[in-house]
Protein backbone atom coordinates (compact mmCIF):
# COMPACT_ATOMS: atom_id res chain seq x y z
CA MET A 1 -20.30 21.56 18.20
CA ASN A 2 -22.50 18.90 19.74
CA SER A 3 -20.47 19.10 22.97
CA LEU A 4 -20.94 22.89 23.03
CA LYS A 5 -24.65 22.46 22.65
CA GLY A 6 -24.56 20.09 25.58
CA THR A 7 -22.72 22.67 27.70
CA TYR A 8 -25.26 25.31 26.75
CA LYS A 9 -28.10 23.00 27.80
CA ASP A 10 -26.35 22.20 31.07
CA LEU A 11 -26.05 25.89 31.91
CA ARG A 12 -29.70 26.40 31.09
CA LYS A 13 -30.63 23.53 33.43
CA LYS A 14 -28.55 25.15 36.17
CA GLY A 15 -30.69 28.25 35.95
CA PHE A 16 -28.88 30.49 33.50
CA ARG A 17 -31.38 32.55 31.57
CA LYS A 18 -31.21 32.93 27.80
CA ASP A 19 -31.07 36.71 28.05
CA THR A 20 -28.19 36.40 30.54
CA LEU A 21 -26.21 34.25 28.14
CA ARG A 22 -26.95 36.64 25.28
CA ASN A 23 -25.64 39.54 27.41
CA ILE A 24 -22.46 37.63 28.16
CA ARG A 25 -21.99 36.93 24.47
CA SER A 26 -22.52 40.61 23.65
CA GLN A 27 -19.96 41.62 26.27
CA ALA A 28 -17.53 39.10 24.85
CA ALA A 29 -18.01 40.49 21.36
CA ALA A 30 -17.50 44.04 22.64
CA PHE A 31 -14.31 42.98 24.38
CA LEU A 32 -12.98 41.43 21.17
CA ASP A 33 -13.47 44.82 19.45
CA SER A 34 -12.20 46.93 22.37
CA ASP A 35 -9.18 49.29 22.28
CA VAL A 36 -7.52 47.25 25.01
CA LEU A 37 -7.49 44.13 22.92
CA GLN A 38 -6.47 45.99 19.75
CA LYS A 39 -3.53 47.51 21.61
CA LYS A 40 -2.53 44.06 22.85
CA LYS A 41 -2.64 42.77 19.24
CA LYS A 42 -0.30 45.55 18.11
CA GLN A 43 2.16 44.66 20.87
CA MET A 44 2.04 41.00 19.89
CA SER A 45 2.56 41.86 16.23
CA LYS A 46 6.06 43.06 17.09
CA ASN A 47 6.91 39.51 18.14
CA LYS A 48 8.65 37.71 15.22
CA HIS A 49 7.03 34.38 16.10
CA PHE A 50 3.60 36.00 15.93
CA LYS A 51 4.40 37.71 12.62
CA ARG A 52 5.45 34.42 11.12
CA PHE A 53 2.37 32.42 12.04
CA ALA A 54 -0.46 34.92 12.54
CA PRO A 55 -1.19 35.58 8.85
CA LYS A 56 -1.62 31.85 8.18
CA LYS A 57 -4.03 31.44 11.09
CA ALA A 58 -5.90 34.59 10.18
CA SER A 59 -6.19 33.41 6.58
CA LYS A 60 -7.52 30.04 7.70
CA ALA A 61 -10.07 31.65 9.98
CA ALA A 62 -11.18 34.05 7.24
CA GLU A 63 -11.52 31.19 4.74
CA CYS A 64 -13.56 29.19 7.24
CA SER A 65 -15.80 32.13 7.96
CA ALA A 66 -16.37 32.76 4.25
CA ILE A 67 -17.43 29.14 3.72
CA LEU A 68 -19.78 29.11 6.69
CA ASP A 69 -21.41 32.35 5.53
CA ASP A 70 -22.01 31.07 1.98
CA MET A 71 -22.25 27.27 2.13
CA ASP A 72 -23.90 26.84 -1.27
CA SER A 73 -20.81 28.12 -3.07
CA TYR A 74 -18.55 25.34 -1.75
CA THR A 75 -18.26 21.58 -2.07
CA PRO A 76 -19.43 19.28 0.74
CA ALA A 77 -15.78 18.48 1.52
CA GLU A 78 -14.96 22.19 1.92
CA GLN A 79 -18.08 22.76 4.01
CA ALA A 80 -17.19 19.84 6.29
CA ALA A 81 -13.63 21.12 6.70
CA ALA A 82 -14.93 24.54 7.68
CA VAL A 83 -17.37 23.10 10.22
CA ILE A 84 -14.66 20.93 11.80
CA TYR A 85 -12.26 23.89 11.96
CA ALA A 86 -14.94 26.08 13.56
CA ARG A 87 -15.61 23.41 16.16
CA LYS A 88 -11.93 23.27 17.10
CA GLN A 89 -11.69 27.04 17.37
CA ALA A 90 -14.85 27.19 19.48
CA ARG A 91 -13.39 24.70 21.95
CA LYS A 92 -10.32 26.92 22.33
CA ASN A 93 -12.35 30.13 22.79
CA PRO A 94 -12.97 31.06 26.46
CA PHE A 95 -16.37 32.40 25.42
CA ALA A 96 -17.30 29.23 23.50
CA VAL A 97 -20.13 28.48 25.90
CA CYS A 98 -21.75 31.75 24.83
CA LEU A 99 -21.03 31.33 21.13
CA CYS A 100 -22.08 27.69 20.76
CA ASP A 101 -24.95 28.43 18.38
CA VAL A 102 -23.01 30.75 16.03
CA HIS A 103 -22.54 28.08 13.29
CA GLU A 104 -25.55 25.90 14.08
CA GLU A 105 -27.36 27.00 10.92
CA ALA A 106 -24.36 26.06 8.78
CA GLU A 107 -24.18 22.63 10.42
CA ASP A 108 -27.89 22.03 9.84
CA GLN A 109 -27.48 22.92 6.19
CA LEU A 110 -24.50 20.57 5.88
CA ARG A 111 -26.48 17.74 7.46
CA GLU A 112 -29.18 18.12 4.81
CA THR A 113 -26.61 18.34 2.03
CA LEU A 114 -24.75 15.21 3.09
CA ASP A 115 -27.94 13.22 3.59
CA GLU A 116 -29.08 14.14 0.07
CA GLU A 117 -25.64 13.29 -1.33
CA LEU A 118 -25.74 9.88 0.36
CA ALA A 119 -29.06 9.07 -1.31
CA ILE A 120 -27.87 10.32 -4.71
CA ARG A 121 -24.49 8.53 -4.59
CA THR A 122 -26.00 5.26 -3.37
CA ALA A 123 -28.53 5.26 -6.21
CA ALA A 124 -25.78 6.21 -8.70
CA LEU A 125 -23.62 3.13 -8.03
CA SER A 126 -23.05 1.62 -11.46
CA PRO A 127 -21.58 -1.75 -12.48
CA LYS A 128 -20.04 -0.01 -15.50
CA ASN A 129 -18.25 2.55 -13.35
CA LEU A 130 -18.16 0.91 -9.96
CA TRP A 131 -14.76 2.28 -8.97
CA GLY A 132 -15.69 5.90 -9.69
CA THR A 133 -19.22 5.79 -8.27
CA TRP A 134 -18.15 3.89 -5.15
CA LEU A 135 -15.33 6.36 -4.50
CA GLU A 136 -17.81 9.24 -4.64
CA LEU A 137 -20.12 7.51 -2.14
CA TYR A 138 -17.21 6.43 0.06
CA ASN A 139 -15.89 10.01 0.29
CA ILE A 140 -19.30 11.29 1.43
CA MET A 141 -19.48 8.51 4.02
CA ARG A 142 -16.04 9.51 5.28
CA LEU A 143 -17.21 13.10 5.75
CA VAL A 144 -20.18 11.87 7.78
CA ASP A 145 -17.84 9.77 9.91
CA ASP A 146 -15.47 12.71 10.46
CA LEU A 147 -18.37 14.88 11.60
CA GLY A 148 -19.77 12.20 13.89
CA TRP A 149 -23.18 12.15 12.23
CA GLU A 150 -23.45 8.41 11.50
CA ASP A 151 -26.57 8.08 13.68
CA GLU A 152 -28.14 11.35 12.59
CA LEU A 153 -28.50 10.95 8.82
CA PRO A 154 -31.24 8.54 7.64
CA ASN A 155 -29.51 7.72 4.35
CA TYR A 156 -26.23 6.76 5.98
CA GLU A 157 -27.59 3.40 7.12
CA ALA A 158 -28.97 2.73 3.62
CA ALA A 159 -25.54 3.44 2.12
CA CYS A 160 -23.91 1.07 4.62
CA GLN A 161 -26.42 -1.66 3.84
CA GLN A 162 -25.79 -1.35 0.11
CA ALA A 163 -22.02 -1.46 0.59
CA GLU A 164 -22.40 -4.58 2.72
CA ALA A 165 -24.75 -6.20 0.18
CA LEU A 166 -22.15 -5.63 -2.55
CA GLY A 167 -19.29 -6.88 -0.41
CA LEU A 168 -17.45 -3.55 -0.55
CA SER A 169 -14.86 -2.84 2.14
CA TYR A 170 -14.79 0.64 3.62
CA ASP A 171 -11.68 1.91 1.89
CA ASP A 172 -10.56 3.27 -1.45
CA GLN A 173 -8.94 0.02 -2.63
CA MET A 174 -10.46 -2.85 -4.64
CA ASP A 175 -8.89 -6.06 -3.38
CA LEU A 176 -8.06 -9.16 -5.41
CA GLU A 177 -7.07 -12.50 -3.94
CA LYS A 178 -6.91 -15.99 -5.38
CA VAL A 179 -7.05 -18.29 -2.39
CA GLU A 180 -6.07 -21.92 -2.80
CA VAL A 181 -8.76 -24.27 -1.50
CA THR A 182 -7.32 -27.20 0.45
CA ASP A 183 -10.32 -28.61 2.32
CA PRO A 184 -10.84 -32.25 1.17
CA ARG A 185 -14.60 -31.74 1.43
CA ALA A 186 -14.37 -28.90 -1.08
CA PHE A 187 -12.48 -31.19 -3.46
CA ASP A 188 -15.19 -33.81 -3.06
CA THR A 189 -17.88 -31.22 -3.84
CA MET A 190 -16.08 -29.90 -6.91
CA GLN A 191 -15.40 -33.41 -8.19
CA GLN A 192 -19.06 -34.26 -7.68
CA LEU A 193 -20.00 -31.15 -9.65
CA PHE A 194 -17.73 -32.10 -12.55
CA ASP A 195 -18.92 -35.71 -12.63
CA SER A 196 -22.57 -34.62 -12.50
CA CYS A 197 -22.13 -32.17 -15.35
CA ARG A 198 -20.78 -34.48 -18.04
CA CYS A 199 -22.58 -35.23 -21.29
CA GLU A 200 -21.29 -38.47 -22.82
CA GLU A 201 -22.88 -37.64 -26.18
CA LEU A 202 -20.21 -34.98 -26.62
CA ASN A 203 -17.68 -37.71 -27.43
CA SER A 204 -19.50 -38.05 -30.76
CA VAL A 205 -18.17 -34.69 -31.98
CA GLY A 206 -14.83 -36.33 -32.76
CA VAL A 207 -12.75 -35.02 -29.85
CA PRO A 208 -11.95 -37.50 -27.05
CA LEU A 209 -13.07 -35.94 -23.77
CA PRO A 210 -11.81 -38.07 -20.87
CA ARG A 211 -13.13 -37.61 -17.33
CA LEU A 212 -11.70 -34.62 -15.50
CA VAL A 213 -9.99 -35.19 -12.15
CA VAL A 214 -9.79 -32.09 -9.93
CA GLN A 215 -6.21 -31.33 -8.87
CA GLU A 216 -6.27 -27.67 -7.75
CA ILE A 217 -9.03 -25.25 -6.77
CA TRP A 218 -8.50 -21.51 -6.47
CA HIS A 219 -11.28 -19.34 -5.05
CA VAL A 220 -11.26 -15.98 -6.83
CA GLN A 221 -12.07 -13.11 -4.46
CA HIS A 222 -12.16 -10.06 -6.68
CA GLU A 223 -13.90 -7.25 -4.81
CA GLN A 224 -14.69 -5.09 -7.84
CA THR A 225 -15.83 -7.86 -10.19
CA LYS A 226 -18.04 -9.39 -7.49
CA ALA A 227 -19.60 -6.03 -6.59
CA GLU A 228 -20.30 -5.32 -10.26
CA TYR A 229 -22.01 -8.70 -10.57
CA LEU A 230 -24.06 -8.21 -7.41
CA LEU A 231 -25.14 -4.72 -8.44
CA LYS A 232 -26.23 -5.94 -11.89
CA ARG A 233 -27.94 -8.86 -10.15
CA GLN A 234 -29.96 -6.42 -8.00
CA GLU A 235 -31.06 -4.48 -11.07
CA LEU A 236 -32.13 -7.59 -13.00
CA MET A 237 -33.93 -9.11 -10.00
CA ALA A 238 -36.04 -5.97 -9.73
CA GLU A 239 -36.92 -6.26 -13.43
CA CYS A 240 -37.76 -9.96 -13.07
CA ASP A 241 -40.07 -9.23 -10.14
CA ALA A 242 -42.36 -7.31 -12.51
CA TYR A 243 -43.78 -10.62 -13.76
CA PRO A 244 -42.98 -14.35 -13.39
CA ILE A 245 -40.18 -15.88 -15.45
CA GLN A 246 -39.72 -19.39 -16.80
CA GLN A 247 -37.24 -21.34 -14.71
CA TYR A 248 -34.58 -23.42 -16.42
CA SER A 249 -32.89 -26.56 -15.16
CA VAL A 250 -29.16 -27.20 -15.64
CA PRO A 251 -26.97 -30.09 -14.38
CA SER A 252 -25.04 -27.97 -11.86
CA GLN A 253 -28.22 -27.53 -9.80
CA ARG A 254 -27.90 -31.15 -8.66
CA VAL A 255 -24.91 -30.25 -6.46
CA ASN A 256 -25.07 -28.07 -3.34
CA MET A 257 -22.16 -25.62 -3.58
CA SER A 258 -22.91 -23.75 -0.34
CA SER A 259 -20.03 -25.47 1.49
CA ILE A 260 -17.47 -24.22 -1.01
CA ASN A 261 -18.67 -20.78 -2.14
CA GLY A 262 -18.63 -19.09 1.26
CA GLY A 263 -22.33 -19.63 1.88
CA PHE A 264 -23.32 -17.38 -1.02
CA PRO A 265 -26.62 -18.98 -2.12
CA LEU A 266 -27.86 -19.06 -5.69
CA ALA A 267 -31.14 -17.36 -6.59
CA SER A 268 -32.44 -20.24 -8.68
CA GLN A 269 -35.87 -18.60 -9.02
CA TYR A 270 -34.15 -15.97 -11.18
CA ASN A 271 -32.23 -18.57 -13.22
CA GLU A 272 -28.96 -18.01 -11.42
CA PHE A 273 -26.76 -21.09 -11.59
CA TYR A 274 -23.23 -22.34 -12.19
CA LEU A 275 -21.86 -22.66 -15.72
CA PHE A 276 -18.41 -23.55 -17.09
CA HIS A 277 -15.94 -21.70 -19.28
CA GLY A 278 -12.90 -23.47 -20.72
CA THR A 279 -9.76 -21.72 -21.90
CA ASN A 280 -5.98 -21.90 -21.50
CA ASP A 281 -4.11 -20.99 -18.31
CA ASP A 282 -3.00 -17.53 -19.45
CA VAL A 283 -6.46 -16.41 -20.49
CA ALA A 284 -7.99 -17.84 -17.30
CA GLU A 285 -5.58 -15.71 -15.26
CA LYS A 286 -6.36 -12.59 -17.29
CA ILE A 287 -10.11 -13.10 -16.91
CA THR A 288 -9.88 -13.53 -13.14
CA ASP A 289 -7.43 -10.63 -12.80
CA SER A 290 -9.86 -8.29 -14.53
CA ASP A 291 -13.10 -9.61 -16.05
CA PHE A 292 -14.53 -11.27 -19.11
CA LEU A 293 -13.94 -9.28 -22.26
CA ILE A 294 -16.72 -9.16 -24.83
CA LYS A 295 -14.81 -8.50 -28.03
CA THR A 296 -16.07 -6.87 -31.19
CA ALA A 297 -15.44 -10.15 -32.99
CA ALA A 298 -15.64 -13.64 -31.49
CA ASP A 299 -12.73 -16.09 -31.55
CA ASN A 300 -14.98 -19.07 -32.23
CA GLY A 301 -18.02 -17.41 -33.79
CA TRP A 302 -21.10 -15.88 -32.20
CA THR A 303 -23.66 -18.45 -33.16
CA PHE A 304 -26.44 -16.96 -31.02
CA GLY A 305 -25.31 -13.36 -30.68
CA GLN A 306 -22.72 -11.27 -28.92
CA GLY A 307 -21.74 -12.04 -25.33
CA VAL A 308 -19.87 -14.40 -23.02
CA TYR A 309 -20.53 -18.04 -23.90
CA ALA A 310 -20.67 -20.51 -21.02
CA ALA A 311 -21.48 -24.22 -20.98
CA GLU A 312 -23.95 -26.23 -18.94
CA PHE A 313 -21.72 -29.34 -19.29
CA VAL A 314 -18.16 -29.31 -17.99
CA ASN A 315 -16.81 -31.47 -20.83
CA HIS A 316 -18.24 -28.93 -23.31
CA ALA A 317 -15.98 -26.34 -21.64
CA GLN A 318 -13.23 -28.98 -21.54
CA MET A 319 -13.30 -29.19 -25.34
CA PHE A 320 -12.56 -25.46 -25.65
CA ALA A 321 -9.89 -25.65 -22.93
CA MET A 322 -8.14 -28.41 -24.89
CA MET A 323 -8.48 -26.33 -28.04
CA GLY A 324 -6.86 -23.39 -26.18
CA ASN A 325 -3.93 -25.66 -25.29
CA GLY A 326 -3.56 -26.75 -28.91
CA PHE A 327 -4.81 -30.24 -27.92
CA GLU A 328 -1.46 -30.85 -26.19
CA GLY A 329 -0.84 -32.20 -22.70
CA ASP A 330 -3.19 -33.89 -20.28
CA GLU A 331 -4.15 -30.90 -18.12
CA VAL A 332 -6.85 -28.28 -18.58
CA THR A 333 -8.16 -25.25 -16.71
CA ILE A 334 -11.87 -24.71 -16.19
CA LEU A 335 -13.51 -21.58 -14.82
CA VAL A 336 -16.54 -22.35 -12.67
CA CYS A 337 -18.76 -19.29 -13.03
CA ARG A 338 -21.87 -18.01 -11.32
CA ALA A 339 -24.25 -16.72 -14.01
CA PHE A 340 -27.40 -14.62 -13.71
CA CYS A 341 -29.58 -15.50 -16.70
CA GLY A 342 -32.96 -14.06 -15.65
CA ARG A 343 -35.40 -14.09 -18.56
CA ILE A 344 -33.90 -16.51 -21.06
CA GLN A 345 -34.76 -16.59 -24.75
CA ASP A 346 -34.49 -20.00 -26.37
CA ALA A 347 -32.82 -19.79 -29.79
CA GLY A 348 -33.57 -23.45 -30.44
CA SER A 349 -31.29 -25.69 -32.50
CA TRP A 350 -28.85 -24.74 -35.24
CA PRO A 351 -26.93 -27.34 -37.28
CA ASN A 352 -24.14 -25.10 -38.60
CA THR A 353 -21.72 -25.17 -35.68
CA GLY A 354 -19.61 -22.02 -35.33
CA GLN A 355 -21.70 -19.99 -37.77
CA PRO A 356 -24.27 -17.33 -36.82
CA THR A 357 -27.83 -18.57 -36.79
CA TRP A 358 -30.20 -17.15 -39.39
CA ASN A 359 -32.01 -14.90 -36.88
CA VAL A 360 -29.00 -13.74 -34.86
CA SER A 361 -29.90 -10.06 -35.37
CA ASP A 362 -33.37 -10.70 -33.93
CA LEU A 363 -31.86 -12.48 -30.93
CA GLU A 364 -29.57 -9.52 -30.22
CA ALA A 365 -32.45 -7.07 -30.69
CA ASN A 366 -34.50 -8.94 -28.09
CA ILE A 367 -31.61 -8.52 -25.63
CA SER A 368 -31.12 -4.84 -26.44
CA SER A 369 -34.81 -4.10 -25.95
CA GLY A 370 -34.81 -5.73 -22.51
CA ALA A 371 -37.32 -8.39 -23.48
CA TYR A 372 -34.75 -11.01 -22.50
CA MET A 373 -31.62 -11.01 -20.34
CA SER A 374 -29.75 -13.97 -21.82
CA THR A 375 -29.94 -16.56 -24.59
CA THR A 376 -29.64 -20.34 -24.79
CA GLY A 377 -29.32 -22.54 -27.84
CA SER A 378 -27.74 -25.72 -29.16
CA GLU A 379 -25.42 -26.03 -32.14
CA TRP A 380 -24.42 -29.68 -31.73
CA PRO A 381 -26.53 -31.97 -33.94
CA GLN A 382 -24.13 -34.85 -33.09
CA THR A 383 -25.56 -34.82 -29.53
CA ASN A 384 -29.18 -34.58 -30.70
CA TYR A 385 -28.99 -30.95 -29.57
CA ARG A 386 -28.76 -31.97 -25.94
CA VAL A 387 -25.77 -29.68 -25.31
CA HIS A 388 -26.59 -26.00 -24.83
CA ASP A 389 -24.65 -22.77 -24.64
CA PHE A 390 -25.79 -19.95 -22.40
CA ILE A 391 -24.94 -16.51 -23.69
CA LEU A 392 -24.60 -13.64 -21.20
CA PRO A 393 -24.75 -10.33 -23.11
CA ASP A 394 -23.17 -8.34 -20.27
CA ASP A 395 -19.93 -9.34 -18.56
CA ASP A 396 -21.49 -8.19 -15.27
CA GLN A 397 -23.91 -11.15 -15.50
CA ILE A 398 -21.18 -13.76 -15.11
CA LEU A 399 -18.75 -14.07 -12.21
CA PRO A 400 -15.73 -16.42 -12.37
CA GLU A 401 -15.65 -17.78 -8.82
CA PHE A 402 -13.24 -20.70 -9.15
CA ILE A 403 -10.21 -21.63 -11.21
CA VAL A 404 -10.07 -25.41 -11.33
CA LYS A 405 -7.03 -27.24 -12.69
CA CYS A 406 -7.68 -30.80 -13.80
CA THR A 407 -5.93 -33.82 -15.23
CA PHE A 408 -7.48 -36.57 -17.32
CA GLY A 409 -8.64 -39.63 -15.47
């Protein structure tokens, strides 16, 4: 249609008057209704090839015309299909230059509809239904692409920017890769992280926790899980911007991970940092294949409320990894996770390890009300309460970025 408009403008520049073009269009319309043409149609109808295919074409044209005449009664996909079909037919019509503005009103209406849909679908992206909400936005973006309106709709660029910010590829698939890291510098960085995040006081709990030596590193590239995390991160950042938050310090902040995490910086001002989660190999694979699962009942007790528990010290996570292996063997698997903690409530110290603290219902209520976004607390009197858990109430607040396989050194 845009090319037809261009032809119309060219003819106007060459001196064709509007009333002249309107007369030509009227003559063309009269010819289409003339007895000569109707007689020709009857002759053609006797042709078997015409009989076989004409009804289908006529039906398609009638359907297209019905949509263009009553756009509000059809979906954007149906409207777009009708506009594209009309464009193709106009290019085939010898009088197209005269009829170029016939469906202009329908196209203008579709532009407005698609631009509104882009804004609505972009805002509707949800970490709890990312697949469904992204597919709806992606399908609208495809329609815009098919119509060639990428540069004409203001909200298209905003949709593209959001997709890029969430790391979403422009297709209807959510990719998952676990890429083995082989760069010696990455091994040095990860080993430095593990050595910097040990708490020797943990040996006093009665479980020997030897130094961990990094043997394998797998970078988890899960498109859906990462996009869910980033979308939740955007939402929580906006809430944190309403007023200042107290910043927390954890051991992992001593190590610069930018050389190993693909240059994806941490937002430390929002209490985003790396934490550790220890489990057995099978569970580690299931978590990274899908996501963390917040059960209705905890395996090891919800001391400070419901959520995903992650450790600030790697040998704290190591203890649970060894437990998951039945304290057998000399290898463990640690998940190195990016966590967005935001406004953190401090539950303080609790001496009864593995049992819910006395005010656990209040802690959970504070999370539900939005007063806080995460919880921290210590349940290890043997370490003088130096060792803390961080509890993420939403699985979209924690992203397992690395699977690290270690031996004891």
